[in-house]
Amino acid sequence: MKKYINRTVMTDIGFEIVGNILLAAATYNVAAAQGFPLSGFNGIAMVFYRLFHMPIGMTVLVLNILPALLCMKVIGKDFVLKTLRCMVIATILIDRIAPLFPVYTGDRMIAAIVTGVLYGLGFAMIYSRGSSTGGVDFLLILIKSYFPHIKTGFITFALDFGVVVGTGLIFKDIDGIFLGILINYILATVIDRTISGLNSGNVALIVTNRSEEIVKWIRDVAERGCTIFEARGGYRGDRRDVVLVAGTNRDIYQVRKDVREIDPDSFVIIVPSNAVDGEGFKMTRIAGE
């Protein structure tokens, strides 16, 4: 048990480091160099950086302390401590490591796209391990706990819109506002697509007269569970079984291929699934879900 916990913690930290490397590069090496209005606490810290040259990472950490303490009872001590660990990693990477590397000063549109993609990938990696970078993420987690059906990317976009617009107005950068909105849209899309991609799979519906043989093959060879439905044809009214099985793309490809050999007269429908969760599957959850 101790070995498992240590391995899990080390994996969490590894994902947090890699995710924060992407966020640090996007923040300091691209966004700060271009003067983009960023969202959330990063956006507020960017204002202080541009006005008073205050370190971005440390400013974000200080801004997060009070919300973290206020949310501790609601979210839980373990999650808050995990988030603080992630924020410390982010502070070191943004303030100490990122300045060692070149900054991008080229085309602003390209910079905005790169910033959005790096942010989206970085946040997705951190969220996938049940961690967070703090700030508006605390609000995100609270909202998701009450409204789990709302997409994570949409909530993030809505919460951060005001910060982007306000920053753009402070520096009279109208183009920056539009680019900041574009960054938010890209990162929201990348987060949703990445998280969904980790959980995606396919569902096969197999209409057959040889359901027992197919179920035995799925259980013994594919090592997947399945469900049998009794069905009746709408044209001739003949009764057949429908075997439902969920799995990864590779699993379902193999099922479709071998089912045709077991029952050449079978009818197979493959349905894409954004998430497969439950017994036999491990679903990647975002922090707070």
C-alpha atoms as a PDB file:
ATOM      1  CA  MET A   1       0.000   0.000   0.000  1.00  0.00           C
ATOM      2  CA  LYS A   2       2.791   2.382   0.921  1.00  0.00           C
ATOM      3  CA  LYS A   3       4.592   1.588  -2.341  1.00  0.00           C
ATOM      4  CA  TYR A   4       1.401   2.286  -4.321  1.00  0.00           C
ATOM      5  CA  ILE A   5       0.839   5.610  -2.570  1.00  0.00           C
ATOM      6  CA  ASN A   6       4.417   6.692  -3.189  1.00  0.00           C
ATOM      7  CA  ARG A   7       4.174   5.741  -6.852  1.00  0.00           C
ATOM      8  CA  THR A   8       0.878   7.591  -7.195  1.00  0.00           C
ATOM      9  CA  VAL A   9       2.264  10.708  -5.541  1.00  0.00           C
ATOM     10  CA  MET A  10       5.355  10.655  -7.730  1.00  0.00           C
ATOM     11  CA  THR A  11       3.173  10.280 -10.830  1.00  0.00           C
ATOM     12  CA  ASP A  12       1.040  13.229  -9.696  1.00  0.00           C
ATOM     13  CA  ILE A  13       4.132  15.360  -9.188  1.00  0.00           C
ATOM     14  CA  GLY A  14       5.503  14.314 -12.571  1.00  0.00           C
ATOM     15  CA  PHE A  15       2.308  15.396 -14.332  1.00  0.00           C
ATOM     16  CA  GLU A  16       2.279  18.634 -12.353  1.00  0.00           C
ATOM     17  CA  ILE A  17       5.860  19.428 -13.327  1.00  0.00           C
ATOM     18  CA  VAL A  18       5.314  18.743 -17.024  1.00  0.00           C
ATOM     19  CA  GLY A  19       1.987  20.592 -17.019  1.00  0.00           C
ATOM     20  CA  ASN A  20       3.514  23.588 -15.273  1.00  0.00           C
ATOM     21  CA  ILE A  21       6.458  23.634 -17.677  1.00  0.00           C
ATOM     22  CA  LEU A  22       3.939  24.172 -20.472  1.00  0.00           C
ATOM     23  CA  LEU A  23       2.119  26.834 -18.448  1.00  0.00           C
ATOM     24  CA  ALA A  24       5.375  28.599 -17.553  1.00  0.00           C
ATOM     25  CA  ALA A  25       6.489  28.688 -21.183  1.00  0.00           C
ATOM     26  CA  ALA A  26       3.102  30.000 -22.278  1.00  0.00           C
ATOM     27  CA  THR A  27       3.035  32.615 -19.512  1.00  0.00           C
ATOM     28  CA  TYR A  28       6.558  34.025 -19.484  1.00  0.00           C
ATOM     29  CA  ASN A  29       8.134  33.070 -22.797  1.00  0.00           C
ATOM     30  CA  VAL A  30       5.144  33.905 -24.993  1.00  0.00           C
ATOM     31  CA  ALA A  31       2.288  35.796 -23.303  1.00  0.00           C
ATOM     32  CA  ALA A  32       4.375  38.163 -21.154  1.00  0.00           C
ATOM     33  CA  ALA A  33       6.657  38.970 -24.078  1.00  0.00           C
ATOM     34  CA  GLN A  34       3.620  39.785 -26.231  1.00  0.00           C
ATOM     35  CA  GLY A  35       1.707  41.663 -23.534  1.00  0.00           C
ATOM     36  CA  PHE A  36      -1.380  39.474 -23.849  1.00  0.00           C
ATOM     37  CA  PRO A  37      -4.261  40.005 -21.395  1.00  0.00           C
ATOM     38  CA  LEU A  38      -4.354  36.617 -19.701  1.00  0.00           C
ATOM     39  CA  SER A  39      -7.204  35.134 -17.705  1.00  0.00           C
ATOM     40  CA  GLY A  40      -7.590  34.268 -14.049  1.00  0.00           C
ATOM     41  CA  PHE A  41      -4.974  35.004 -11.423  1.00  0.00           C
ATOM     42  CA  ASN A  42      -2.278  34.721 -14.073  1.00  0.00           C
ATOM     43  CA  GLY A  43      -3.920  37.617 -15.846  1.00  0.00           C
ATOM     44  CA  ILE A  44      -4.031  39.704 -12.665  1.00  0.00           C
ATOM     45  CA  ALA A  45      -0.398  38.852 -11.924  1.00  0.00           C
ATOM     46  CA  MET A  46       0.494  39.871 -15.468  1.00  0.00           C
ATOM     47  CA  VAL A  47      -0.938  43.339 -14.793  1.00  0.00           C
ATOM     48  CA  PHE A  48       1.309  43.732 -11.743  1.00  0.00           C
ATOM     49  CA  TYR A  49       4.241  42.418 -13.770  1.00  0.00           C
ATOM     50  CA  ARG A  50       3.721  44.952 -16.552  1.00  0.00           C
ATOM     51  CA  LEU A  51       3.063  47.878 -14.190  1.00  0.00           C
ATOM     52  CA  PHE A  52       5.487  47.186 -11.337  1.00  0.00           C
ATOM     53  CA  HIS A  53       7.731  44.340 -12.630  1.00  0.00           C
ATOM     54  CA  MET A  54       6.531  42.075  -9.819  1.00  0.00           C
ATOM     55  CA  PRO A  55       7.388  38.379 -10.376  1.00  0.00           C
ATOM     56  CA  ILE A  56       4.446  36.607 -11.996  1.00  0.00           C
ATOM     57  CA  GLY A  57       4.737  33.276 -10.210  1.00  0.00           C
ATOM     58  CA  MET A  58       5.106  34.727  -6.719  1.00  0.00           C
ATOM     59  CA  THR A  59       2.226  37.134  -7.290  1.00  0.00           C
ATOM     60  CA  VAL A  60      -0.036  34.272  -8.341  1.00  0.00           C
ATOM     61  CA  LEU A  61       0.991  32.282  -5.256  1.00  0.00           C
ATOM     62  CA  VAL A  62       0.210  35.201  -2.917  1.00  0.00           C
ATOM     63  CA  LEU A  63      -3.138  35.838  -4.600  1.00  0.00           C
ATOM     64  CA  ASN A  64      -4.059  32.176  -4.110  1.00  0.00           C
ATOM     65  CA  ILE A  65      -3.420  31.942  -0.373  1.00  0.00           C
ATOM     66  CA  LEU A  66      -6.671  33.543   0.821  1.00  0.00           C
ATOM     67  CA  PRO A  67      -8.998  31.670  -1.610  1.00  0.00           C
ATOM     68  CA  ALA A  68      -7.255  28.418  -0.699  1.00  0.00           C
ATOM     69  CA  LEU A  69      -7.895  28.972   3.008  1.00  0.00           C
ATOM     70  CA  LEU A  70     -11.516  29.993   2.402  1.00  0.00           C
ATOM     71  CA  CYS A  71     -12.205  26.923   0.278  1.00  0.00           C
ATOM     72  CA  MET A  72     -10.434  24.434   2.533  1.00  0.00           C
ATOM     73  CA  LYS A  73     -13.594  23.351   4.374  1.00  0.00           C
ATOM     74  CA  VAL A  74     -15.573  22.986   1.165  1.00  0.00           C
ATOM     75  CA  ILE A  75     -12.966  21.334  -1.038  1.00  0.00           C
ATOM     76  CA  GLY A  76     -10.965  19.489   1.587  1.00  0.00           C
ATOM     77  CA  LYS A  77      -7.551  19.844   3.153  1.00  0.00           C
ATOM     78  CA  ASP A  78      -5.890  17.189   0.971  1.00  0.00           C
ATOM     79  CA  PHE A  79      -6.921  18.848  -2.278  1.00  0.00           C
ATOM     80  CA  VAL A  80      -5.886  22.309  -1.075  1.00  0.00           C
ATOM     81  CA  LEU A  81      -2.461  21.015  -0.029  1.00  0.00           C
ATOM     82  CA  LYS A  82      -2.103  19.277  -3.390  1.00  0.00           C
ATOM     83  CA  THR A  83      -3.000  22.533  -5.129  1.00  0.00           C
ATOM     84  CA  LEU A  84      -0.506  24.509  -3.043  1.00  0.00           C
ATOM     85  CA  ARG A  85       2.186  22.019  -4.030  1.00  0.00           C
ATOM     86  CA  CYS A  86       1.303  22.519  -7.675  1.00  0.00           C
ATOM     87  CA  MET A  87       1.364  26.312  -7.248  1.00  0.00           C
ATOM     88  CA  VAL A  88       4.824  26.211  -5.656  1.00  0.00           C
ATOM     89  CA  ILE A  89       6.059  24.193  -8.634  1.00  0.00           C
ATOM     90  CA  ALA A  90       4.488  26.756 -10.961  1.00  0.00           C
ATOM     91  CA  THR A  91       6.091  29.662  -9.082  1.00  0.00           C
ATOM     92  CA  ILE A  92       9.568  28.183  -9.366  1.00  0.00           C
ATOM     93  CA  LEU A  93       9.170  27.362 -13.043  1.00  0.00           C
ATOM     94  CA  ILE A  94       7.735  30.760 -14.031  1.00  0.00           C
ATOM     95  CA  ASP A  95      10.056  32.975 -11.966  1.00  0.00           C
ATOM     96  CA  ARG A  96      13.296  30.962 -12.018  1.00  0.00           C
ATOM     97  CA  ILE A  97      13.353  28.542 -14.939  1.00  0.00           C
ATOM     98  CA  ALA A  98      11.362  30.203 -17.732  1.00  0.00           C
ATOM     99  CA  PRO A  99      13.530  33.396 -17.760  1.00  0.00           C
ATOM    100  CA  LEU A 100      16.525  31.222 -18.669  1.00  0.00           C
ATOM    101  CA  PHE A 101      15.024  30.518 -22.094  1.00  0.00           C
ATOM    102  CA  PRO A 102      14.342  32.793 -25.090  1.00  0.00           C
ATOM    103  CA  VAL A 103      11.033  34.617 -25.457  1.00  0.00           C
ATOM    104  CA  TYR A 104       8.914  34.701 -28.587  1.00  0.00           C
ATOM    105  CA  THR A 105       8.503  38.169 -30.108  1.00  0.00           C
ATOM    106  CA  GLY A 106       7.170  37.214 -33.534  1.00  0.00           C
ATOM    107  CA  ASP A 107       3.657  37.384 -34.968  1.00  0.00           C
ATOM    108  CA  ARG A 108       1.015  38.004 -32.272  1.00  0.00           C
ATOM    109  CA  MET A 109      -1.577  35.722 -33.855  1.00  0.00           C
ATOM    110  CA  ILE A 110       0.842  32.801 -33.893  1.00  0.00           C
ATOM    111  CA  ALA A 111       1.829  33.648 -30.321  1.00  0.00           C
ATOM    112  CA  ALA A 112      -1.837  33.646 -29.239  1.00  0.00           C
ATOM    113  CA  ILE A 113      -2.458  30.233 -30.805  1.00  0.00           C
ATOM    114  CA  VAL A 114       0.683  28.786 -29.215  1.00  0.00           C
ATOM    115  CA  THR A 115      -0.268  30.271 -25.835  1.00  0.00           C
ATOM    116  CA  GLY A 116      -3.756  28.764 -25.983  1.00  0.00           C
ATOM    117  CA  VAL A 117      -2.513  25.322 -26.958  1.00  0.00           C
ATOM    118  CA  LEU A 118       0.230  25.257 -24.310  1.00  0.00           C
ATOM    119  CA  TYR A 119      -2.202  26.434 -21.638  1.00  0.00           C
ATOM    120  CA  GLY A 120      -4.806  23.860 -22.660  1.00  0.00           C
ATOM    121  CA  LEU A 121      -2.350  20.965 -22.623  1.00  0.00           C
ATOM    122  CA  GLY A 122      -0.770  22.118 -19.373  1.00  0.00           C
ATOM    123  CA  PHE A 123      -4.075  22.490 -17.532  1.00  0.00           C
ATOM    124  CA  ALA A 124      -5.369  19.183 -18.918  1.00  0.00           C
ATOM    125  CA  MET A 125      -2.319  17.328 -17.595  1.00  0.00           C
ATOM    126  CA  ILE A 126      -2.737  18.878 -14.160  1.00  0.00           C
ATOM    127  CA  TYR A 127      -6.509  18.329 -14.034  1.00  0.00           C
ATOM    128  CA  SER A 128      -6.115  14.716 -15.151  1.00  0.00           C
ATOM    129  CA  ARG A 129      -4.325  13.909 -11.877  1.00  0.00           C
ATOM    130  CA  GLY A 130      -6.981  15.574  -9.737  1.00  0.00           C
ATOM    131  CA  SER A 131      -4.831  18.605  -9.056  1.00  0.00           C
ATOM    132  CA  SER A 132      -5.217  22.299  -9.764  1.00  0.00           C
ATOM    133  CA  THR A 133      -3.282  25.524 -10.190  1.00  0.00           C
ATOM    134  CA  GLY A 134      -5.570  27.432  -7.829  1.00  0.00           C
ATOM    135  CA  GLY A 135      -7.156  30.816  -8.507  1.00  0.00           C
ATOM    136  CA  VAL A 136     -10.385  30.577 -10.453  1.00  0.00           C
ATOM    137  CA  ASP A 137      -9.931  26.810 -10.368  1.00  0.00           C
ATOM    138  CA  PHE A 138     -11.367  26.928  -6.855  1.00  0.00           C
ATOM    139  CA  LEU A 139     -14.513  28.538  -8.273  1.00  0.00           C
ATOM    140  CA  LEU A 140     -14.470  26.058 -11.129  1.00  0.00           C
ATOM    141  CA  ILE A 141     -14.457  23.132  -8.710  1.00  0.00           C
ATOM    142  CA  LEU A 142     -17.304  24.586  -6.669  1.00  0.00           C
ATOM    143  CA  ILE A 143     -19.427  25.149  -9.783  1.00  0.00           C
ATOM    144  CA  LYS A 144     -18.676  21.661 -11.106  1.00  0.00           C
ATOM    145  CA  SER A 145     -19.723  20.140  -7.802  1.00  0.00           C
ATOM    146  CA  TYR A 146     -23.199  21.684  -8.187  1.00  0.00           C
ATOM    147  CA  PHE A 147     -23.479  21.600 -11.988  1.00  0.00           C
ATOM    148  CA  PRO A 148     -21.399  18.597 -13.155  1.00  0.00           C
ATOM    149  CA  HIS A 149     -23.053  18.579 -16.601  1.00  0.00           C
ATOM    150  CA  ILE A 150     -21.534  21.946 -17.584  1.00  0.00           C
ATOM    151  CA  LYS A 151     -18.341  21.584 -19.595  1.00  0.00           C
ATOM    152  CA  THR A 152     -15.138  22.536 -17.826  1.00  0.00           C
ATOM    153  CA  GLY A 153     -13.939  24.640 -20.741  1.00  0.00           C
ATOM    154  CA  PHE A 154     -17.145  26.692 -20.821  1.00  0.00           C
ATOM    155  CA  ILE A 155     -16.937  27.534 -17.111  1.00  0.00           C
ATOM    156  CA  THR A 156     -13.287  28.511 -17.459  1.00  0.00           C
ATOM    157  CA  PHE A 157     -14.059  30.740 -20.426  1.00  0.00           C
ATOM    158  CA  ALA A 158     -16.943  32.495 -18.627  1.00  0.00           C
ATOM    159  CA  LEU A 159     -14.988  33.108 -15.406  1.00  0.00           C
ATOM    160  CA  ASP A 160     -11.950  34.496 -17.181  1.00  0.00           C
ATOM    161  CA  PHE A 161     -13.686  36.737 -19.712  1.00  0.00           C
ATOM    162  CA  GLY A 162     -13.862  39.750 -17.356  1.00  0.00           C
ATOM    163  CA  VAL A 163     -10.164  39.577 -16.444  1.00  0.00           C
ATOM    164  CA  VAL A 164      -9.131  39.568 -20.100  1.00  0.00           C
ATOM    165  CA  VAL A 165     -11.353  42.497 -21.027  1.00  0.00           C
ATOM    166  CA  GLY A 166     -10.358  44.497 -17.920  1.00  0.00           C
ATOM    167  CA  THR A 167      -6.648  44.002 -18.574  1.00  0.00           C
ATOM    168  CA  GLY A 168      -7.038  45.024 -22.192  1.00  0.00           C
ATOM    169  CA  LEU A 169      -8.820  48.204 -21.187  1.00  0.00           C
ATOM    170  CA  ILE A 170      -6.164  49.088 -18.601  1.00  0.00           C
ATOM    171  CA  PHE A 171      -3.429  48.947 -21.229  1.00  0.00           C
ATOM    172  CA  LYS A 172      -5.678  50.239 -24.046  1.00  0.00           C
ATOM    173  CA  ASP A 173      -4.944  47.158 -26.099  1.00  0.00           C
ATOM    174  CA  ILE A 174      -8.104  46.340 -28.054  1.00  0.00           C
ATOM    175  CA  ASP A 175      -6.292  43.856 -30.266  1.00  0.00           C
ATOM    176  CA  GLY A 176      -4.980  42.222 -27.109  1.00  0.00           C
ATOM    177  CA  ILE A 177      -8.558  41.742 -25.846  1.00  0.00           C
ATOM    178  CA  PHE A 178      -9.533  39.840 -28.967  1.00  0.00           C
ATOM    179  CA  LEU A 179      -6.352  37.789 -28.833  1.00  0.00           C
ATOM    180  CA  GLY A 180      -6.926  37.113 -25.127  1.00  0.00           C
ATOM    181  CA  ILE A 181     -10.445  35.852 -25.911  1.00  0.00           C
ATOM    182  CA  LEU A 182      -8.973  33.683 -28.666  1.00  0.00           C
ATOM    183  CA  ILE A 183      -6.453  32.252 -26.192  1.00  0.00           C
ATOM    184  CA  ASN A 184      -9.267  31.413 -23.771  1.00  0.00           C
ATOM    185  CA  TYR A 185     -11.303  29.746 -26.492  1.00  0.00           C
ATOM    186  CA  ILE A 186      -8.346  27.647 -27.649  1.00  0.00           C
ATOM    187  CA  LEU A 187      -7.347  26.567 -24.148  1.00  0.00           C
ATOM    188  CA  ALA A 188     -10.965  25.684 -23.281  1.00  0.00           C
ATOM    189  CA  THR A 189     -11.246  23.579 -26.439  1.00  0.00           C
ATOM    190  CA  VAL A 190      -7.913  21.853 -25.862  1.00  0.00           C
ATOM    191  CA  ILE A 191      -8.824  21.049 -22.236  1.00  0.00           C
ATOM    192  CA  ASP A 192     -12.153  19.499 -23.207  1.00  0.00           C
ATOM    193  CA  ARG A 193     -10.720  17.591 -26.170  1.00  0.00           C
ATOM    194  CA  THR A 194      -7.742  16.310 -24.181  1.00  0.00           C
ATOM    195  CA  ILE A 195      -9.780  15.189 -21.171  1.00  0.00           C
ATOM    196  CA  SER A 196     -12.430  13.633 -23.426  1.00  0.00           C
ATOM    197  CA  GLY A 197      -9.705  11.961 -25.479  1.00  0.00           C
ATOM    198  CA  LEU A 198      -8.297  10.284 -22.381  1.00  0.00           C
ATOM    199  CA  ASN A 199     -11.727   8.812 -21.626  1.00  0.00           C
ATOM    200  CA  SER A 200     -12.885   8.125 -25.174  1.00  0.00           C
ATOM    201  CA  GLY A 201     -13.639   4.777 -26.661  1.00  0.00           C
ATOM    202  CA  ASN A 202     -16.257   2.986 -28.734  1.00  0.00           C
ATOM    203  CA  VAL A 203     -19.410   1.000 -28.098  1.00  0.00           C
ATOM    204  CA  ALA A 204     -20.316  -1.925 -30.344  1.00  0.00           C
ATOM    205  CA  LEU A 205     -23.910  -3.101 -30.841  1.00  0.00           C
ATOM    206  CA  ILE A 206     -23.868  -6.586 -32.380  1.00  0.00           C
ATOM    207  CA  VAL A 207     -27.128  -7.977 -33.769  1.00  0.00           C
ATOM    208  CA  THR A 208     -26.671 -11.741 -34.024  1.00  0.00           C
ATOM    209  CA  ASN A 209     -28.209 -15.215 -33.779  1.00  0.00           C
ATOM    210  CA  ARG A 210     -25.032 -16.567 -32.174  1.00  0.00           C
ATOM    211  CA  SER A 211     -24.855 -14.375 -29.116  1.00  0.00           C
ATOM    212  CA  GLU A 212     -23.550 -17.069 -26.754  1.00  0.00           C
ATOM    213  CA  GLU A 213     -20.476 -17.726 -28.921  1.00  0.00           C
ATOM    214  CA  ILE A 214     -19.808 -14.020 -29.328  1.00  0.00           C
ATOM    215  CA  VAL A 215     -20.205 -13.332 -25.609  1.00  0.00           C
ATOM    216  CA  LYS A 216     -17.826 -16.209 -24.803  1.00  0.00           C
ATOM    217  CA  TRP A 217     -15.227 -14.808 -27.224  1.00  0.00           C
ATOM    218  CA  ILE A 218     -15.561 -11.282 -25.819  1.00  0.00           C
ATOM    219  CA  ARG A 219     -15.199 -12.585 -22.265  1.00  0.00           C
ATOM    220  CA  ASP A 220     -12.330 -15.027 -22.848  1.00  0.00           C
ATOM    221  CA  VAL A 221     -10.332 -13.330 -25.604  1.00  0.00           C
ATOM    222  CA  ALA A 222     -11.109  -9.609 -25.481  1.00  0.00           C
ATOM    223  CA  GLU A 223     -11.457  -9.809 -21.672  1.00  0.00           C
ATOM    224  CA  ARG A 224     -14.413  -7.451 -21.692  1.00  0.00           C
ATOM    225  CA  GLY A 225     -17.834  -7.702 -20.152  1.00  0.00           C
ATOM    226  CA  CYS A 226     -20.930  -7.249 -22.269  1.00  0.00           C
ATOM    227  CA  THR A 227     -24.714  -7.054 -22.090  1.00  0.00           C
ATOM    228  CA  ILE A 228     -27.314  -9.003 -24.101  1.00  0.00           C
ATOM    229  CA  PHE A 229     -30.634  -7.487 -25.167  1.00  0.00           C
ATOM    230  CA  GLU A 230     -33.504  -9.371 -26.754  1.00  0.00           C
ATOM    231  CA  ALA A 231     -34.693  -7.577 -29.890  1.00  0.00           C
ATOM    232  CA  ARG A 232     -37.244  -8.001 -32.651  1.00  0.00           C
ATOM    233  CA  GLY A 233     -36.733  -6.961 -36.262  1.00  0.00           C
ATOM    234  CA  GLY A 234     -38.944  -4.158 -37.500  1.00  0.00           C
ATOM    235  CA  TYR A 235     -39.407  -5.621 -41.006  1.00  0.00           C
ATOM    236  CA  ARG A 236     -40.030  -9.355 -40.591  1.00  0.00           C
ATOM    237  CA  GLY A 237     -40.485  -9.433 -36.835  1.00  0.00           C
ATOM    238  CA  ASP A 238     -37.868 -12.149 -36.280  1.00  0.00           C
ATOM    239  CA  ARG A 239     -36.216 -12.210 -32.873  1.00  0.00           C
ATOM    240  CA  ARG A 240     -32.455 -11.816 -32.455  1.00  0.00           C
ATOM    241  CA  ASP A 241     -30.038 -10.850 -29.689  1.00  0.00           C
ATOM    242  CA  VAL A 242     -28.146  -7.578 -29.461  1.00  0.00           C
ATOM    243  CA  VAL A 243     -24.779  -7.763 -27.698  1.00  0.00           C
ATOM    244  CA  LEU A 244     -23.500  -4.466 -26.302  1.00  0.00           C
ATOM    245  CA  VAL A 245     -19.799  -4.126 -25.482  1.00  0.00           C
ATOM    246  CA  ALA A 246     -17.715  -1.022 -24.655  1.00  0.00           C
ATOM    247  CA  GLY A 247     -13.963  -0.700 -24.928  1.00  0.00           C
ATOM    248  CA  THR A 248     -11.028   1.168 -26.338  1.00  0.00           C
ATOM    249  CA  ASN A 249     -10.735   1.847 -30.046  1.00  0.00           C
ATOM    250  CA  ARG A 250      -8.360  -1.114 -30.386  1.00  0.00           C
ATOM    251  CA  ASP A 251     -10.698  -3.406 -28.416  1.00  0.00           C
ATOM    252  CA  ILE A 252     -13.713  -2.607 -30.552  1.00  0.00           C
ATOM    253  CA  TYR A 253     -11.755  -2.895 -33.791  1.00  0.00           C
ATOM    254  CA  GLN A 254     -10.759  -6.425 -32.822  1.00  0.00           C
ATOM    255  CA  VAL A 255     -14.313  -7.241 -31.728  1.00  0.00           C
ATOM    256  CA  ARG A 256     -15.736  -6.090 -35.069  1.00  0.00           C
ATOM    257  CA  LYS A 257     -13.149  -8.089 -36.992  1.00  0.00           C
ATOM    258  CA  ASP A 258     -13.612 -11.361 -35.106  1.00  0.00           C
ATOM    259  CA  VAL A 259     -17.394 -11.127 -34.801  1.00  0.00           C
ATOM    260  CA  ARG A 260     -17.631 -11.301 -38.589  1.00  0.00           C
ATOM    261  CA  GLU A 261     -15.744 -14.599 -38.483  1.00  0.00           C
ATOM    262  CA  ILE A 262     -17.944 -16.053 -35.738  1.00  0.00           C
ATOM    263  CA  ASP A 263     -21.207 -14.929 -37.353  1.00  0.00           C
ATOM    264  CA  PRO A 264     -20.943 -13.692 -40.957  1.00  0.00           C
ATOM    265  CA  ASP A 265     -24.648 -12.776 -40.855  1.00  0.00           C
ATOM    266  CA  SER A 266     -24.259 -10.475 -37.851  1.00  0.00           C
ATOM    267  CA  PHE A 267     -24.963  -6.757 -38.022  1.00  0.00           C
ATOM    268  CA  VAL A 268     -22.474  -4.543 -36.149  1.00  0.00           C
ATOM    269  CA  ILE A 269     -22.932  -0.883 -35.233  1.00  0.00           C
ATOM    270  CA  ILE A 270     -19.946   1.056 -33.844  1.00  0.00           C
ATOM    271  CA  VAL A 271     -20.810   4.150 -31.795  1.00  0.00           C
ATOM    272  CA  PRO A 272     -18.076   6.593 -30.625  1.00  0.00           C
ATOM    273  CA  SER A 273     -18.140   7.317 -26.892  1.00  0.00           C
ATOM    274  CA  ASN A 274     -16.690  10.406 -25.239  1.00  0.00           C
ATOM    275  CA  ALA A 275     -16.298   8.581 -21.927  1.00  0.00           C
ATOM    276  CA  VAL A 276     -16.280   4.979 -20.752  1.00  0.00           C
ATOM    277  CA  ASP A 277     -16.495   4.682 -16.991  1.00  0.00           C
ATOM    278  CA  GLY A 278     -17.347   1.944 -14.533  1.00  0.00           C
ATOM    279  CA  GLU A 279     -16.258  -1.592 -13.700  1.00  0.00           C
ATOM    280  CA  GLY A 280     -13.235  -2.569 -15.744  1.00  0.00           C
ATOM    281  CA  PHE A 281     -12.537   0.988 -16.867  1.00  0.00           C
ATOM    282  CA  LYS A 282     -10.631   3.849 -15.311  1.00  0.00           C
ATOM    283  CA  MET A 283     -11.981   7.283 -16.177  1.00  0.00           C
ATOM    284  CA  THR A 284      -9.781  10.354 -15.981  1.00  0.00           C
ATOM    285  CA  ARG A 285     -11.521  12.917 -13.795  1.00  0.00           C
ATOM    286  CA  ILE A 286     -10.823  16.580 -13.497  1.00  0.00           C
ATOM    287  CA  ALA A 287     -10.153  18.076 -10.114  1.00  0.00           C
ATOM    288  CA  GLY A 288     -13.289  18.388  -8.039  1.00  0.00           C
ATOM    289  CA  GLU A 289     -15.361  15.806  -9.923  1.00  0.00           C
END
